[in-house]
Amino acid sequence: MSTQHDTGAAAAGTRAAPVPPRRGDRQRQAILQAVRELLEEKPFTELSVSTISDRAGVARSGFYFYFDSKYAVLAQILAEATHELEELTEYFAPGGPTSRQRRSPNEWSAAPPRSTPTTTR
């Protein structure tokens, strides 16, 4: 006899409701979004941690809990954009440059030998 109880959702094979993001996840995402928005308004060099924190609605100490500097936020944004670009490239051009570039040099195949044109006289 089992002591576990079966829920209707689990028995039907459906997934449970998604877990809402934690407060820390929301704050971190708010900081990232604030920088994205601010970059549309002014150059990165003109952004300060105070400006970013104010826009994100978090304390400066909260900013530093998640990121070491405004450069760390920018690095995260660029990493996410790069990842998204790689996924889109792979989706629209499967096996395209992204896949080939990731292979190790040992996996690269040499270009087929060029045939030399023969001339007939």
PDB file of N, CA and C in Angstrom:
ATOM      1  N   MET A   1       0.838  -1.172   0.000  1.00  0.00           N
ATOM      2  CA  MET A   1       0.000   0.000   0.000  1.00  0.00           C
ATOM      3  C   MET A   1       0.887   1.240   0.000  1.00  0.00           C
ATOM      4  N   SER A   2       0.600   2.149  -0.897  1.00  0.00           N
ATOM      5  CA  SER A   2       1.431   3.332  -1.062  1.00  0.00           C
ATOM      6  C   SER A   2       0.962   4.447  -0.144  1.00  0.00           C
ATOM      7  N   THR A   3       1.926   5.209   0.364  1.00  0.00           N
ATOM      8  CA  THR A   3       1.576   6.350   1.221  1.00  0.00           C
ATOM      9  C   THR A   3       1.525   7.637   0.415  1.00  0.00           C
ATOM     10  N   GLN A   4       1.929   7.579  -0.867  1.00  0.00           N
ATOM     11  CA  GLN A   4       1.899   8.773  -1.697  1.00  0.00           C
ATOM     12  C   GLN A   4       0.499   8.962  -2.258  1.00  0.00           C
ATOM     13  N   HIS A   5       0.086  10.189  -2.362  1.00  0.00           N
ATOM     14  CA  HIS A   5      -1.230  10.494  -2.906  1.00  0.00           C
ATOM     15  C   HIS A   5      -1.061  10.971  -4.331  1.00  0.00           C
ATOM     16  N   ASP A   6      -1.918  10.498  -5.199  1.00  0.00           N
ATOM     17  CA  ASP A   6      -1.886  10.878  -6.600  1.00  0.00           C
ATOM     18  C   ASP A   6      -2.749  12.115  -6.803  1.00  0.00           C
ATOM     19  N   THR A   7      -2.208  13.116  -7.473  1.00  0.00           N
ATOM     20  CA  THR A   7      -3.037  14.273  -7.788  1.00  0.00           C
ATOM     21  C   THR A   7      -3.636  14.060  -9.159  1.00  0.00           C
ATOM     22  N   GLY A   8      -4.727  14.691  -9.413  1.00  0.00           N
ATOM     23  CA  GLY A   8      -5.382  14.553 -10.706  1.00  0.00           C
ATOM     24  C   GLY A   8      -4.489  15.017 -11.839  1.00  0.00           C
ATOM     25  N   ALA A   9      -3.775  16.124 -11.649  1.00  0.00           N
ATOM     26  CA  ALA A   9      -2.911  16.651 -12.701  1.00  0.00           C
ATOM     27  C   ALA A   9      -1.776  15.694 -12.996  1.00  0.00           C
ATOM     28  N   ALA A  10      -1.185  15.141 -11.950  1.00  0.00           N
ATOM     29  CA  ALA A  10      -0.074  14.216 -12.163  1.00  0.00           C
ATOM     30  C   ALA A  10      -0.571  12.948 -12.826  1.00  0.00           C
ATOM     31  N   ALA A  11      -1.738  12.471 -12.418  1.00  0.00           N
ATOM     32  CA  ALA A  11      -2.280  11.249 -12.993  1.00  0.00           C
ATOM     33  C   ALA A  11      -2.634  11.458 -14.455  1.00  0.00           C
ATOM     34  N   ALA A  12      -3.080  12.652 -14.814  1.00  0.00           N
ATOM     35  CA  ALA A  12      -3.458  12.936 -16.191  1.00  0.00           C
ATOM     36  C   ALA A  12      -2.243  13.236 -17.054  1.00  0.00           C
ATOM     37  N   GLY A  13      -1.078  13.341 -16.451  1.00  0.00           N
ATOM     38  CA  GLY A  13       0.146  13.597 -17.212  1.00  0.00           C
ATOM     39  C   GLY A  13       0.355  15.062 -17.543  1.00  0.00           C
ATOM     40  N   THR A  14      -0.349  15.947 -16.883  1.00  0.00           N
ATOM     41  CA  THR A  14      -0.162  17.369 -17.136  1.00  0.00           C
ATOM     42  C   THR A  14       0.867  17.929 -16.174  1.00  0.00           C
ATOM     43  N   ARG A  15       1.429  19.024 -16.562  1.00  0.00           N
ATOM     44  CA  ARG A  15       2.437  19.662 -15.719  1.00  0.00           C
ATOM     45  C   ARG A  15       1.775  20.535 -14.671  1.00  0.00           C
ATOM     46  N   ALA A  16       2.456  20.670 -13.571  1.00  0.00           N
ATOM     47  CA  ALA A  16       1.981  21.556 -12.509  1.00  0.00           C
ATOM     48  C   ALA A  16       2.150  22.996 -12.968  1.00  0.00           C
ATOM     49  N   ALA A  17       1.453  23.899 -12.349  1.00  0.00           N
ATOM     50  CA  ALA A  17       1.558  25.314 -12.691  1.00  0.00           C
ATOM     51  C   ALA A  17       2.993  25.773 -12.488  1.00  0.00           C
ATOM     52  N   PRO A  18       3.480  26.662 -13.369  1.00  0.00           N
ATOM     53  CA  PRO A  18       4.855  27.134 -13.219  1.00  0.00           C
ATOM     54  C   PRO A  18       5.046  27.873 -11.906  1.00  0.00           C
ATOM     55  N   VAL A  19       6.231  27.735 -11.371  1.00  0.00           N
ATOM     56  CA  VAL A  19       6.562  28.400 -10.116  1.00  0.00           C
ATOM     57  C   VAL A  19       6.824  29.867 -10.427  1.00  0.00           C
ATOM     58  N   PRO A  20       6.191  30.780  -9.701  1.00  0.00           N
ATOM     59  CA  PRO A  20       6.442  32.197  -9.966  1.00  0.00           C
ATOM     60  C   PRO A  20       7.894  32.542  -9.654  1.00  0.00           C
ATOM     61  N   PRO A  21       8.447  33.522 -10.383  1.00  0.00           N
ATOM     62  CA  PRO A  21       9.841  33.887 -10.125  1.00  0.00           C
ATOM     63  C   PRO A  21      10.023  34.392  -8.703  1.00  0.00           C
ATOM     64  N   ARG A  22      11.171  34.065  -8.146  1.00  0.00           N
ATOM     65  CA  ARG A  22      11.477  34.543  -6.798  1.00  0.00           C
ATOM     66  C   ARG A  22      11.784  36.033  -6.841  1.00  0.00           C
ATOM     67  N   ARG A  23      11.703  36.660  -5.692  1.00  0.00           N
ATOM     68  CA  ARG A  23      11.944  38.097  -5.601  1.00  0.00           C
ATOM     69  C   ARG A  23      13.314  38.454  -6.164  1.00  0.00           C
ATOM     70  N   GLY A  24      14.322  37.669  -5.826  1.00  0.00           N
ATOM     71  CA  GLY A  24      15.666  37.939  -6.319  1.00  0.00           C
ATOM     72  C   GLY A  24      15.755  37.852  -7.827  1.00  0.00           C
ATOM     73  N   ASP A  25      15.052  36.873  -8.402  1.00  0.00           N
ATOM     74  CA  ASP A  25      15.041  36.748  -9.858  1.00  0.00           C
ATOM     75  C   ASP A  25      14.384  37.975 -10.485  1.00  0.00           C
ATOM     76  N   ARG A  26      13.307  38.441  -9.868  1.00  0.00           N
ATOM     77  CA  ARG A  26      12.609  39.625 -10.393  1.00  0.00           C
ATOM     78  C   ARG A  26      13.504  40.855 -10.314  1.00  0.00           C
ATOM     79  N   GLN A  27      14.224  41.013  -9.206  1.00  0.00           N
ATOM     80  CA  GLN A  27      15.102  42.177  -9.062  1.00  0.00           C
ATOM     81  C   GLN A  27      16.244  42.130 -10.071  1.00  0.00           C
ATOM     82  N   ARG A  28      16.824  40.973 -10.230  1.00  0.00           N
ATOM     83  CA  ARG A  28      17.924  40.821 -11.193  1.00  0.00           C
ATOM     84  C   ARG A  28      17.437  41.143 -12.606  1.00  0.00           C
ATOM     85  N   GLN A  29      16.269  40.612 -12.963  1.00  0.00           N
ATOM     86  CA  GLN A  29      15.705  40.889 -14.283  1.00  0.00           C
ATOM     87  C   GLN A  29      15.342  42.364 -14.433  1.00  0.00           C
ATOM     88  N   ALA A  30      14.881  42.987 -13.354  1.00  0.00           N
ATOM     89  CA  ALA A  30      14.549  44.414 -13.398  1.00  0.00           C
ATOM     90  C   ALA A  30      15.798  45.247 -13.682  1.00  0.00           C
ATOM     91  N   ILE A  31      16.918  44.857 -13.116  1.00  0.00           N
ATOM     92  CA  ILE A  31      18.180  45.568 -13.360  1.00  0.00           C
ATOM     93  C   ILE A  31      18.580  45.418 -14.822  1.00  0.00           C
ATOM     94  N   LEU A  32      18.515  44.201 -15.333  1.00  0.00           N
ATOM     95  CA  LEU A  32      18.863  43.965 -16.737  1.00  0.00           C
ATOM     96  C   LEU A  32      17.948  44.770 -17.660  1.00  0.00           C
ATOM     97  N   GLN A  33      16.659  44.761 -17.372  1.00  0.00           N
ATOM     98  CA  GLN A  33      15.703  45.504 -18.198  1.00  0.00           C
ATOM     99  C   GLN A  33      15.946  47.000 -18.103  1.00  0.00           C
ATOM    100  N   ALA A  34      16.275  47.489 -16.923  1.00  0.00           N
ATOM    101  CA  ALA A  34      16.546  48.917 -16.749  1.00  0.00           C
ATOM    102  C   ALA A  34      17.722  49.349 -17.614  1.00  0.00           C
ATOM    103  N   VAL A  35      18.771  48.546 -17.646  1.00  0.00           N
ATOM    104  CA  VAL A  35      19.934  48.900 -18.469  1.00  0.00           C
ATOM    105  C   VAL A  35      19.554  48.870 -19.947  1.00  0.00           C
ATOM    106  N   ARG A  36      18.786  47.872 -20.365  1.00  0.00           N
ATOM    107  CA  ARG A  36      18.346  47.820 -21.770  1.00  0.00           C
ATOM    108  C   ARG A  36      17.586  49.099 -22.141  1.00  0.00           C
ATOM    109  N   GLU A  37      16.677  49.511 -21.274  1.00  0.00           N
ATOM    110  CA  GLU A  37      15.888  50.718 -21.534  1.00  0.00           C
ATOM    111  C   GLU A  37      16.766  51.963 -21.534  1.00  0.00           C
ATOM    112  N   LEU A  38      17.635  52.073 -20.549  1.00  0.00           N
ATOM    113  CA  LEU A  38      18.492  53.252 -20.449  1.00  0.00           C
ATOM    114  C   LEU A  38      19.441  53.365 -21.636  1.00  0.00           C
ATOM    115  N   LEU A  39      19.869  52.235 -22.175  1.00  0.00           N
ATOM    116  CA  LEU A  39      20.767  52.268 -23.329  1.00  0.00           C
ATOM    117  C   LEU A  39      20.078  52.819 -24.574  1.00  0.00           C
ATOM    118  N   GLU A  40      18.764  52.793 -24.593  1.00  0.00           N
ATOM    119  CA  GLU A  40      18.026  53.396 -25.701  1.00  0.00           C
ATOM    120  C   GLU A  40      17.962  54.910 -25.555  1.00  0.00           C
ATOM    121  N   GLU A  41      18.222  55.398 -24.362  1.00  0.00           N
ATOM    122  CA  GLU A  41      18.122  56.827 -24.077  1.00  0.00           C
ATOM    123  C   GLU A  41      19.464  57.543 -24.056  1.00  0.00           C
ATOM    124  N   LYS A  42      20.507  56.840 -23.626  1.00  0.00           N
ATOM    125  CA  LYS A  42      21.808  57.500 -23.484  1.00  0.00           C
ATOM    126  C   LYS A  42      22.936  56.491 -23.628  1.00  0.00           C
ATOM    127  N   PRO A  43      24.150  56.966 -23.886  1.00  0.00           N
ATOM    128  CA  PRO A  43      25.299  56.055 -24.011  1.00  0.00           C
ATOM    129  C   PRO A  43      25.623  55.364 -22.683  1.00  0.00           C
ATOM    130  N   PHE A  44      26.221  54.208 -22.791  1.00  0.00           N
ATOM    131  CA  PHE A  44      26.576  53.421 -21.609  1.00  0.00           C
ATOM    132  C   PHE A  44      27.467  54.203 -20.658  1.00  0.00           C
ATOM    133  N   THR A  45      28.371  54.999 -21.204  1.00  0.00           N
ATOM    134  CA  THR A  45      29.301  55.760 -20.360  1.00  0.00           C
ATOM    135  C   THR A  45      28.576  56.752 -19.460  1.00  0.00           C
ATOM    136  N   GLU A  46      27.365  57.145 -19.833  1.00  0.00           N
ATOM    137  CA  GLU A  46      26.604  58.097 -19.027  1.00  0.00           C
ATOM    138  C   GLU A  46      25.723  57.418 -17.980  1.00  0.00           C
ATOM    139  N   LEU A  47      25.695  56.105 -17.966  1.00  0.00           N
ATOM    140  CA  LEU A  47      24.888  55.386 -16.975  1.00  0.00           C
ATOM    141  C   LEU A  47      25.661  55.254 -15.675  1.00  0.00           C
ATOM    142  N   SER A  48      24.954  55.395 -14.585  1.00  0.00           N
ATOM    143  CA  SER A  48      25.555  55.172 -13.270  1.00  0.00           C
ATOM    144  C   SER A  48      24.761  54.083 -12.562  1.00  0.00           C
ATOM    145  N   VAL A  49      25.363  53.498 -11.562  1.00  0.00           N
ATOM    146  CA  VAL A  49      24.671  52.473 -10.784  1.00  0.00           C
ATOM    147  C   VAL A  49      23.427  53.078 -10.137  1.00  0.00           C
ATOM    148  N   SER A  50      23.509  54.321  -9.698  1.00  0.00           N
ATOM    149  CA  SER A  50      22.344  54.984  -9.094  1.00  0.00           C
ATOM    150  C   SER A  50      21.204  55.112 -10.097  1.00  0.00           C
ATOM    151  N   THR A  51      21.530  55.533 -11.313  1.00  0.00           N
ATOM    152  CA  THR A  51      20.511  55.676 -12.351  1.00  0.00           C
ATOM    153  C   THR A  51      19.871  54.332 -12.670  1.00  0.00           C
ATOM    154  N   ILE A  52      20.703  53.312 -12.793  1.00  0.00           N
ATOM    155  CA  ILE A  52      20.209  51.964 -13.091  1.00  0.00           C
ATOM    156  C   ILE A  52      19.323  51.463 -11.952  1.00  0.00           C
ATOM    157  N   SER A  53      19.792  51.631 -10.725  1.00  0.00           N
ATOM    158  CA  SER A  53      19.033  51.174  -9.554  1.00  0.00           C
ATOM    159  C   SER A  53      17.688  51.875  -9.455  1.00  0.00           C
ATOM    160  N   ASP A  54      17.699  53.194  -9.677  1.00  0.00           N
ATOM    161  CA  ASP A  54      16.447  53.950  -9.625  1.00  0.00           C
ATOM    162  C   ASP A  54      15.463  53.437 -10.666  1.00  0.00           C
ATOM    163  N   ARG A  55      15.935  53.243 -11.887  1.00  0.00           N
ATOM    164  CA  ARG A  55      15.052  52.774 -12.958  1.00  0.00           C
ATOM    165  C   ARG A  55      14.524  51.377 -12.650  1.00  0.00           C
ATOM    166  N   ALA A  56      15.364  50.536 -12.071  1.00  0.00           N
ATOM    167  CA  ALA A  56      14.967  49.154 -11.770  1.00  0.00           C
ATOM    168  C   ALA A  56      14.097  49.052 -10.524  1.00  0.00           C
ATOM    169  N   GLY A  57      14.109  50.094  -9.699  1.00  0.00           N
ATOM    170  CA  GLY A  57      13.332  50.055  -8.467  1.00  0.00           C
ATOM    171  C   GLY A  57      13.978  49.203  -7.388  1.00  0.00           C
ATOM    172  N   VAL A  58      15.305  49.154  -7.404  1.00  0.00           N
ATOM    173  CA  VAL A  58      16.035  48.407  -6.371  1.00  0.00           C
ATOM    174  C   VAL A  58      17.039  49.344  -5.710  1.00  0.00           C
ATOM    175  N   ALA A  59      17.420  49.018  -4.497  1.00  0.00           N
ATOM    176  CA  ALA A  59      18.430  49.810  -3.790  1.00  0.00           C
ATOM    177  C   ALA A  59      19.797  49.570  -4.433  1.00  0.00           C
ATOM    178  N   ARG A  60      20.696  50.535  -4.263  1.00  0.00           N
ATOM    179  CA  ARG A  60      22.063  50.350  -4.782  1.00  0.00           C
ATOM    180  C   ARG A  60      22.683  49.079  -4.213  1.00  0.00           C
ATOM    181  N   SER A  61      22.433  48.819  -2.937  1.00  0.00           N
ATOM    182  CA  SER A  61      22.982  47.598  -2.334  1.00  0.00           C
ATOM    183  C   SER A  61      22.400  46.363  -3.016  1.00  0.00           C
ATOM    184  N   GLY A  62      21.150  46.452  -3.446  1.00  0.00           N
ATOM    185  CA  GLY A  62      20.533  45.352  -4.185  1.00  0.00           C
ATOM    186  C   GLY A  62      21.203  45.148  -5.526  1.00  0.00           C
ATOM    187  N   PHE A  63      21.555  46.255  -6.166  1.00  0.00           N
ATOM    188  CA  PHE A  63      22.279  46.161  -7.436  1.00  0.00           C
ATOM    189  C   PHE A  63      23.572  45.384  -7.228  1.00  0.00           C
ATOM    190  N   TYR A  64      24.331  45.775  -6.209  1.00  0.00           N
ATOM    191  CA  TYR A  64      25.625  45.138  -5.963  1.00  0.00           C
ATOM    192  C   TYR A  64      25.503  43.708  -5.442  1.00  0.00           C
ATOM    193  N   PHE A  65      24.331  43.333  -4.979  1.00  0.00           N
ATOM    194  CA  PHE A  65      24.117  41.936  -4.593  1.00  0.00           C
ATOM    195  C   PHE A  65      24.144  41.044  -5.830  1.00  0.00           C
ATOM    196  N   TYR A  66      23.632  41.561  -6.946  1.00  0.00           N
ATOM    197  CA  TYR A  66      23.530  40.766  -8.172  1.00  0.00           C
ATOM    198  C   TYR A  66      24.674  40.994  -9.150  1.00  0.00           C
ATOM    199  N   PHE A  67      25.221  42.194  -9.163  1.00  0.00           N
ATOM    200  CA  PHE A  67      26.261  42.533 -10.140  1.00  0.00           C
ATOM    201  C   PHE A  67      27.381  43.310  -9.464  1.00  0.00           C
ATOM    202  N   ASP A  68      28.608  43.088  -9.931  1.00  0.00           N
ATOM    203  CA  ASP A  68      29.764  43.790  -9.378  1.00  0.00           C
ATOM    204  C   ASP A  68      29.860  45.228  -9.872  1.00  0.00           C
ATOM    205  N   SER A  69      29.364  45.469 -11.080  1.00  0.00           N
ATOM    206  CA  SER A  69      29.471  46.791 -11.682  1.00  0.00           C
ATOM    207  C   SER A  69      28.483  46.900 -12.832  1.00  0.00           C
ATOM    208  N   LYS A  70      28.382  48.090 -13.389  1.00  0.00           N
ATOM    209  CA  LYS A  70      27.514  48.257 -14.551  1.00  0.00           C
ATOM    210  C   LYS A  70      28.078  47.479 -15.738  1.00  0.00           C
ATOM    211  N   TYR A  71      29.380  47.256 -15.740  1.00  0.00           N
ATOM    212  CA  TYR A  71      30.001  46.477 -16.818  1.00  0.00           C
ATOM    213  C   TYR A  71      29.588  45.008 -16.747  1.00  0.00           C
ATOM    214  N   ALA A  72      29.377  44.515 -15.539  1.00  0.00           N
ATOM    215  CA  ALA A  72      28.916  43.133 -15.375  1.00  0.00           C
ATOM    216  C   ALA A  72      27.498  42.974 -15.915  1.00  0.00           C
ATOM    217  N   VAL A  73      26.675  44.009 -15.747  1.00  0.00           N
ATOM    218  CA  VAL A  73      25.316  43.964 -16.297  1.00  0.00           C
ATOM    219  C   VAL A  73      25.391  43.943 -17.819  1.00  0.00           C
ATOM    220  N   LEU A  74      26.227  44.809 -18.366  1.00  0.00           N
ATOM    221  CA  LEU A  74      26.385  44.856 -19.821  1.00  0.00           C
ATOM    222  C   LEU A  74      26.894  43.524 -20.358  1.00  0.00           C
ATOM    223  N   ALA A  75      27.840  42.920 -19.666  1.00  0.00           N
ATOM    224  CA  ALA A  75      28.366  41.619 -20.093  1.00  0.00           C
ATOM    225  C   ALA A  75      27.260  40.569 -20.106  1.00  0.00           C
ATOM    226  N   GLN A  76      26.384  40.593 -19.114  1.00  0.00           N
ATOM    227  CA  GLN A  76      25.268  39.642 -19.059  1.00  0.00           C
ATOM    228  C   GLN A  76      24.299  39.872 -20.215  1.00  0.00           C
ATOM    229  N   ILE A  77      23.997  41.125 -20.499  1.00  0.00           N
ATOM    230  CA  ILE A  77      23.091  41.451 -21.602  1.00  0.00           C
ATOM    231  C   ILE A  77      23.689  40.976 -22.923  1.00  0.00           C
ATOM    232  N   LEU A  78      24.978  41.219 -23.115  1.00  0.00           N
ATOM    233  CA  LEU A  78      25.637  40.785 -24.349  1.00  0.00           C
ATOM    234  C   LEU A  78      25.689  39.265 -24.452  1.00  0.00           C
ATOM    235  N   ALA A  79      25.915  38.587 -23.337  1.00  0.00           N
ATOM    236  CA  ALA A  79      25.936  37.118 -23.343  1.00  0.00           C
ATOM    237  C   ALA A  79      24.565  36.566 -23.719  1.00  0.00           C
ATOM    238  N   GLU A  80      23.504  37.164 -23.174  1.00  0.00           N
ATOM    239  CA  GLU A  80      22.153  36.716 -23.502  1.00  0.00           C
ATOM    240  C   GLU A  80      21.837  36.973 -24.971  1.00  0.00           C
ATOM    241  N   ALA A  81      22.246  38.138 -25.481  1.00  0.00           N
ATOM    242  CA  ALA A  81      22.002  38.462 -26.887  1.00  0.00           C
ATOM    243  C   ALA A  81      22.770  37.510 -27.799  1.00  0.00           C
ATOM    244  N   THR A  82      23.996  37.187 -27.427  1.00  0.00           N
ATOM    245  CA  THR A  82      24.802  36.252 -28.214  1.00  0.00           C
ATOM    246  C   THR A  82      24.156  34.881 -28.232  1.00  0.00           C
ATOM    247  N   HIS A  83      23.689  34.431 -27.084  1.00  0.00           N
ATOM    248  CA  HIS A  83      23.027  33.124 -26.996  1.00  0.00           C
ATOM    249  C   HIS A  83      21.765  33.104 -27.869  1.00  0.00           C
ATOM    250  N   GLU A  84      20.991  34.174 -27.799  1.00  0.00           N
ATOM    251  CA  GLU A  84      19.766  34.249 -28.603  1.00  0.00           C
ATOM    252  C   GLU A  84      20.100  34.248 -30.093  1.00  0.00           C
ATOM    253  N   LEU A  85      21.134  34.978 -30.478  1.00  0.00           N
ATOM    254  CA  LEU A  85      21.544  35.015 -31.876  1.00  0.00           C
ATOM    255  C   LEU A  85      22.002  33.639 -32.352  1.00  0.00           C
ATOM    256  N   GLU A  86      22.742  32.931 -31.508  1.00  0.00           N
ATOM    257  CA  GLU A  86      23.180  31.576 -31.866  1.00  0.00           C
ATOM    258  C   GLU A  86      21.989  30.645 -32.042  1.00  0.00           C
ATOM    259  N   GLU A  87      20.991  30.756 -31.156  1.00  0.00           N
ATOM    260  CA  GLU A  87      19.801  29.913 -31.281  1.00  0.00           C
ATOM    261  C   GLU A  87      19.038  30.225 -32.557  1.00  0.00           C
ATOM    262  N   LEU A  88      18.889  31.514 -32.882  1.00  0.00           N
ATOM    263  CA  LEU A  88      18.194  31.895 -34.105  1.00  0.00           C
ATOM    264  C   LEU A  88      18.954  31.436 -35.342  1.00  0.00           C
ATOM    265  N   THR A  89      20.265  31.578 -35.303  1.00  0.00           N
ATOM    266  CA  THR A  89      21.079  31.132 -36.429  1.00  0.00           C
ATOM    267  C   THR A  89      20.928  29.636 -36.627  1.00  0.00           C
ATOM    268  N   GLU A  90      20.964  28.886 -35.549  1.00  0.00           N
ATOM    269  CA  GLU A  90      20.824  27.431 -35.640  1.00  0.00           C
ATOM    270  C   GLU A  90      19.426  27.058 -36.128  1.00  0.00           C
ATOM    271  N   TYR A  91      18.418  27.804 -35.724  1.00  0.00           N
ATOM    272  CA  TYR A  91      17.046  27.516 -36.145  1.00  0.00           C
ATOM    273  C   TYR A  91      16.862  27.780 -37.641  1.00  0.00           C
ATOM    274  N   PHE A  92      17.338  28.944 -38.097  1.00  0.00           N
ATOM    275  CA  PHE A  92      17.127  29.323 -39.483  1.00  0.00           C
ATOM    276  C   PHE A  92      18.154  28.731 -40.438  1.00  0.00           C
ATOM    277  N   ALA A  93      19.298  28.331 -39.927  1.00  0.00           N
ATOM    278  CA  ALA A  93      20.334  27.725 -40.771  1.00  0.00           C
ATOM    279  C   ALA A  93      20.945  26.552 -40.030  1.00  0.00           C
ATOM    280  N   PRO A  94      20.164  25.465 -39.847  1.00  0.00           N
ATOM    281  CA  PRO A  94      20.705  24.325 -39.102  1.00  0.00           C
ATOM    282  C   PRO A  94      21.984  23.813 -39.745  1.00  0.00           C
ATOM    283  N   GLY A  95      22.937  23.536 -38.913  1.00  0.00           N
ATOM    284  CA  GLY A  95      24.214  23.061 -39.425  1.00  0.00           C
ATOM    285  C   GLY A  95      25.016  24.166 -40.076  1.00  0.00           C
ATOM    286  N   GLY A  96      24.566  25.403 -39.869  1.00  0.00           N
ATOM    287  CA  GLY A  96      25.244  26.543 -40.472  1.00  0.00           C
ATOM    288  C   GLY A  96      26.540  26.866 -39.751  1.00  0.00           C
ATOM    289  N   PRO A  97      27.053  28.058 -39.965  1.00  0.00           N
ATOM    290  CA  PRO A  97      28.353  28.433 -39.396  1.00  0.00           C
ATOM    291  C   PRO A  97      28.467  28.208 -37.898  1.00  0.00           C
ATOM    292  N   THR A  98      27.401  28.455 -37.166  1.00  0.00           N
ATOM    293  CA  THR A  98      27.487  28.303 -35.715  1.00  0.00           C
ATOM    294  C   THR A  98      27.840  26.872 -35.347  1.00  0.00           C
ATOM    295  N   SER A  99      27.175  25.911 -35.952  1.00  0.00           N
ATOM    296  CA  SER A  99      27.458  24.505 -35.642  1.00  0.00           C
ATOM    297  C   SER A  99      28.859  24.121 -36.091  1.00  0.00           C
ATOM    298  N   ARG A 100      29.230  24.551 -37.275  1.00  0.00           N
ATOM    299  CA  ARG A 100      30.557  24.194 -37.784  1.00  0.00           C
ATOM    300  C   ARG A 100      31.660  24.829 -36.950  1.00  0.00           C
ATOM    301  N   GLN A 101      31.458  26.055 -36.514  1.00  0.00           N
ATOM    302  CA  GLN A 101      32.493  26.737 -35.748  1.00  0.00           C
ATOM    303  C   GLN A 101      32.685  26.100 -34.383  1.00  0.00           C
ATOM    304  N   ARG A 102      31.659  25.471 -33.854  1.00  0.00           N
ATOM    305  CA  ARG A 102      31.766  24.871 -32.530  1.00  0.00           C
ATOM    306  C   ARG A 102      32.528  23.557 -32.557  1.00  0.00           C
ATOM    307  N   ARG A 103      32.661  22.945 -33.707  1.00  0.00           N
ATOM    308  CA  ARG A 103      33.369  21.676 -33.769  1.00  0.00           C
ATOM    309  C   ARG A 103      34.851  21.913 -33.520  1.00  0.00           C
ATOM    310  N   SER A 104      35.488  20.899 -33.009  1.00  0.00           N
ATOM    311  CA  SER A 104      36.921  21.028 -32.774  1.00  0.00           C
ATOM    312  C   SER A 104      37.653  20.920 -34.107  1.00  0.00           C
ATOM    313  N   PRO A 105      38.863  21.454 -34.185  1.00  0.00           N
ATOM    314  CA  PRO A 105      39.623  21.375 -35.435  1.00  0.00           C
ATOM    315  C   PRO A 105      39.802  19.939 -35.925  1.00  0.00           C
ATOM    316  N   ASN A 106      39.833  18.982 -35.009  1.00  0.00           N
ATOM    317  CA  ASN A 106      39.989  17.586 -35.426  1.00  0.00           C
ATOM    318  C   ASN A 106      38.781  17.079 -36.198  1.00  0.00           C
ATOM    319  N   GLU A 107      37.635  17.717 -35.998  1.00  0.00           N
ATOM    320  CA  GLU A 107      36.421  17.292 -36.685  1.00  0.00           C
ATOM    321  C   GLU A 107      36.241  17.980 -38.028  1.00  0.00           C
ATOM    322  N   TRP A 108      37.017  19.028 -38.276  1.00  0.00           N
ATOM    323  CA  TRP A 108      36.861  19.740 -39.533  1.00  0.00           C
ATOM    324  C   TRP A 108      37.350  18.852 -40.655  1.00  0.00           C
ATOM    325  N   SER A 109      36.602  18.812 -41.687  1.00  0.00           N
ATOM    326  CA  SER A 109      37.055  18.017 -42.826  1.00  0.00           C
ATOM    327  C   SER A 109      37.835  18.929 -43.756  1.00  0.00           C
ATOM    328  N   ALA A 110      38.833  18.370 -44.327  1.00  0.00           N
ATOM    329  CA  ALA A 110      39.644  19.149 -45.255  1.00  0.00           C
ATOM    330  C   ALA A 110      38.821  19.392 -46.511  1.00  0.00           C
ATOM    331  N   ALA A 111      39.098  20.493 -47.151  1.00  0.00           N
ATOM    332  CA  ALA A 111      38.394  20.790 -48.392  1.00  0.00           C
ATOM    333  C   ALA A 111      38.762  19.732 -49.419  1.00  0.00           C
ATOM    334  N   PRO A 112      37.807  19.345 -50.236  1.00  0.00           N
ATOM    335  CA  PRO A 112      38.134  18.335 -51.243  1.00  0.00           C
ATOM    336  C   PRO A 112      39.196  18.876 -52.185  1.00  0.00           C
ATOM    337  N   PRO A 113      40.064  17.999 -52.659  1.00  0.00           N
ATOM    338  CA  PRO A 113      41.121  18.479 -53.552  1.00  0.00           C
ATOM    339  C   PRO A 113      40.511  19.062 -54.811  1.00  0.00           C
ATOM    340  N   ARG A 114      41.124  20.131 -55.248  1.00  0.00           N
ATOM    341  CA  ARG A 114      40.642  20.775 -56.466  1.00  0.00           C
ATOM    342  C   ARG A 114      41.107  19.970 -57.662  1.00  0.00           C
ATOM    343  N   SER A 115      40.215  19.823 -58.566  1.00  0.00           N
ATOM    344  CA  SER A 115      40.628  19.131 -59.785  1.00  0.00           C
ATOM    345  C   SER A 115      41.232  20.169 -60.714  1.00  0.00           C
ATOM    346  N   THR A 116      42.266  19.788 -61.361  1.00  0.00           N
ATOM    347  CA  THR A 116      42.917  20.718 -62.277  1.00  0.00           C
ATOM    348  C   THR A 116      42.253  20.572 -63.632  1.00  0.00           C
ATOM    349  N   PRO A 117      41.939  21.695 -64.216  1.00  0.00           N
ATOM    350  CA  PRO A 117      41.280  21.610 -65.516  1.00  0.00           C
ATOM    351  C   PRO A 117      42.221  20.984 -66.539  1.00  0.00           C
ATOM    352  N   THR A 118      41.677  20.132 -67.314  1.00  0.00           N
ATOM    353  CA  THR A 118      42.486  19.514 -68.366  1.00  0.00           C
ATOM    354  C   THR A 118      42.232  20.253 -69.658  1.00  0.00           C
ATOM    355  N   THR A 119      43.268  20.462 -70.359  1.00  0.00           N
ATOM    356  CA  THR A 119      43.127  21.149 -71.639  1.00  0.00           C
ATOM    357  C   THR A 119      43.307  20.132 -72.744  1.00  0.00           C
ATOM    358  N   THR A 120      42.485  20.227 -73.696  1.00  0.00           N
ATOM    359  CA  THR A 120      42.617  19.340 -74.853  1.00  0.00           C
ATOM    360  C   THR A 120      42.979  20.174 -76.051  1.00  0.00           C
ATOM    361  N   ARG A 121      43.856  19.634 -76.841  1.00  0.00           N
ATOM    362  CA  ARG A 121      44.273  20.380 -78.029  1.00  0.00           C
ATOM    363  C   ARG A 121      43.928  19.639 -79.256  1.00  0.00           C
TER     364      ARG A 121
END
